[in-house]
């Protein structure tokens, strides 16, 4: 007679953890790739006056003159002045 052998498998918590993590990675990877494909124009970076001065390596007076004469557009939020990074690059490209 054949005896039925029952096989019991022991599930080790480390194995479960590895399976769960690999499943999460498979599920999250497509979502992350979609967010990385998003154009960066959605998030416009703003520079403060000090950051703009360091970036352009110019004097505060020159930056103020460019803002006053409309050469480099600025944006006010309360009593603070900001410059868009894209505006700075656009102006630099026009100058060439």
Foldseek 3Di string as FASTA:
>chain_A
DDDDDDDDDDDDVVNVVVVVVVVVCVVCVVVVVVVVPDDPVVPWDKDFLVRVCVVVVDDSVVVVVCCVVVVFDWDDDPNTIIGTPVSVVVSVVVVD
